[in-house]
Amino acid sequence: MHTAKREIEDHIYELQVRICKAFANTTRLHILDLLGKREHGVSELQRRLGVTKANLSQHLAILRGAGVISTRREGQQIYCSLAIPEVKQACQLIRSVLRAQIRNGRKLAI
């Protein structure tokens, strides 16, 4: 493989790892599910998820660091939305695969 092309592919793999690590938490997946429906204020996310402000802040920082969500401030309120709309489809695809495996009687190791 050409060196420049290889470097691009390696960079894409590194970004994929960062995103997959950001997805590797049930609270963060729930956040992505909520944001896939619409933009949410941080206080609303906190209430819906039942987590502390500090805990939510950590989760949002990880998702923001992976480039998956973006935030904006309006007065005192901070709003979150998906920075990459395709994330919604990616999460739905993974859940569809898992549902199909369960429907087909495959046991999933947890």
Protein backbone atom coordinates (compact mmCIF):
# COMPACT_ATOMS: atom_id res chain seq x y z
CA MET A 1 0.00 0.00 0.00
CA HIS A 2 1.24 3.49 -0.83
CA THR A 3 2.74 5.21 2.25
CA ALA A 4 0.44 8.26 2.20
CA LYS A 5 -2.64 6.08 1.75
CA ARG A 6 -1.45 3.83 4.57
CA GLU A 7 -1.00 6.83 6.87
CA ILE A 8 -4.54 8.01 6.12
CA GLU A 9 -5.94 4.53 6.81
CA ASP A 10 -3.97 4.28 10.07
CA HIS A 11 -5.30 7.69 11.14
CA ILE A 12 -8.87 6.60 10.37
CA TYR A 13 -8.36 3.46 12.49
CA GLU A 14 -7.05 5.61 15.36
CA LEU A 15 -10.11 7.85 15.14
CA GLN A 16 -12.37 4.79 15.04
CA VAL A 17 -10.74 3.48 18.22
CA ARG A 18 -11.31 6.83 19.94
CA ILE A 19 -14.99 6.83 18.96
CA CYS A 20 -15.48 3.18 19.94
CA LYS A 21 -13.90 3.85 23.35
CA ALA A 22 -16.29 6.79 23.81
CA PHE A 23 -19.20 4.45 23.02
CA ALA A 24 -18.02 1.83 25.54
CA ASN A 25 -20.29 2.95 28.38
CA THR A 26 -24.04 2.50 28.90
CA THR A 27 -24.56 6.08 30.13
CA ARG A 28 -22.78 7.50 27.11
CA LEU A 29 -24.81 5.29 24.77
CA HIS A 30 -27.97 6.55 26.47
CA ILE A 31 -26.76 10.13 25.97
CA LEU A 32 -26.17 9.43 22.28
CA ASP A 33 -29.62 7.88 21.97
CA LEU A 34 -31.24 10.96 23.52
CA LEU A 35 -29.20 13.35 21.37
CA GLY A 36 -30.06 11.31 18.29
CA LYS A 37 -33.67 12.39 18.82
CA ARG A 38 -32.95 16.10 19.40
CA GLU A 39 -30.70 18.62 21.11
CA HIS A 40 -30.88 18.53 24.93
CA GLY A 41 -29.85 20.91 27.66
CA VAL A 42 -27.30 19.55 30.14
CA SER A 43 -29.72 19.93 33.06
CA GLU A 44 -32.35 17.95 31.15
CA LEU A 45 -29.82 15.21 30.34
CA GLN A 46 -28.86 15.05 34.01
CA ARG A 47 -32.49 14.70 35.06
CA ARG A 48 -33.30 12.09 32.38
CA LEU A 49 -30.21 10.00 33.17
CA GLY A 50 -30.36 10.33 36.96
CA VAL A 51 -26.64 11.05 37.28
CA THR A 52 -24.72 13.70 39.17
CA LYS A 53 -23.63 16.88 37.43
CA ALA A 54 -19.97 15.85 37.84
CA ASN A 55 -20.60 12.39 36.36
CA LEU A 56 -22.51 13.82 33.38
CA SER A 57 -19.75 16.36 32.82
CA GLN A 58 -17.17 13.55 32.60
CA HIS A 59 -19.27 11.60 30.10
CA LEU A 60 -19.87 14.68 27.96
CA ALA A 61 -16.15 15.52 28.01
CA ILE A 62 -15.32 12.05 26.68
CA LEU A 63 -17.92 12.29 23.92
CA ARG A 64 -16.79 15.82 23.04
CA GLY A 65 -13.15 14.71 23.04
CA ALA A 66 -13.99 11.98 20.55
CA GLY A 67 -15.68 14.59 18.36
CA VAL A 68 -19.04 12.86 18.65
CA ILE A 69 -21.03 15.66 20.30
CA SER A 70 -20.90 19.42 20.27
CA THR A 71 -22.10 21.91 22.85
CA ARG A 72 -23.35 25.47 22.73
CA ARG A 73 -24.12 27.97 25.46
CA GLU A 74 -27.30 30.02 25.60
CA GLY A 75 -27.30 32.22 28.69
CA GLN A 76 -26.68 29.97 31.68
CA GLN A 77 -27.74 26.80 29.87
CA ILE A 78 -25.47 24.51 27.85
CA TYR A 79 -27.03 22.49 25.05
CA CYS A 80 -25.65 19.30 23.53
CA SER A 81 -26.20 17.81 20.09
CA LEU A 82 -24.64 15.20 17.85
CA ALA A 83 -21.65 16.61 15.98
CA ILE A 84 -21.71 13.66 13.57
CA PRO A 85 -25.28 12.83 12.51
CA GLU A 86 -24.16 9.40 11.24
CA VAL A 87 -23.53 8.38 14.87
CA LYS A 88 -27.27 7.89 15.24
CA GLN A 89 -27.33 5.41 12.35
CA ALA A 90 -24.20 3.64 13.61
CA CYS A 91 -25.72 3.09 17.06
CA GLN A 92 -29.02 1.94 15.54
CA LEU A 93 -27.16 -0.50 13.27
CA ILE A 94 -25.28 -2.06 16.18
CA ARG A 95 -28.51 -2.45 18.18
CA SER A 96 -30.22 -4.00 15.14
CA VAL A 97 -27.41 -6.55 14.82
CA LEU A 98 -27.69 -7.41 18.52
CA ARG A 99 -31.50 -7.72 18.33
CA ALA A 100 -31.16 -10.03 15.31
CA GLN A 101 -28.69 -12.22 17.18
CA ILE A 102 -31.04 -12.46 20.14
CA ARG A 103 -34.03 -13.21 17.85
CA ASN A 104 -32.02 -15.97 16.20
CA GLY A 105 -31.40 -17.55 19.60
CA ARG A 106 -27.72 -16.69 19.84
CA LYS A 107 -26.47 -16.18 23.36
CA LEU A 108 -24.44 -13.02 23.71
CA ALA A 109 -21.47 -13.11 26.06
CA ILE A 110 -21.62 -10.26 28.53
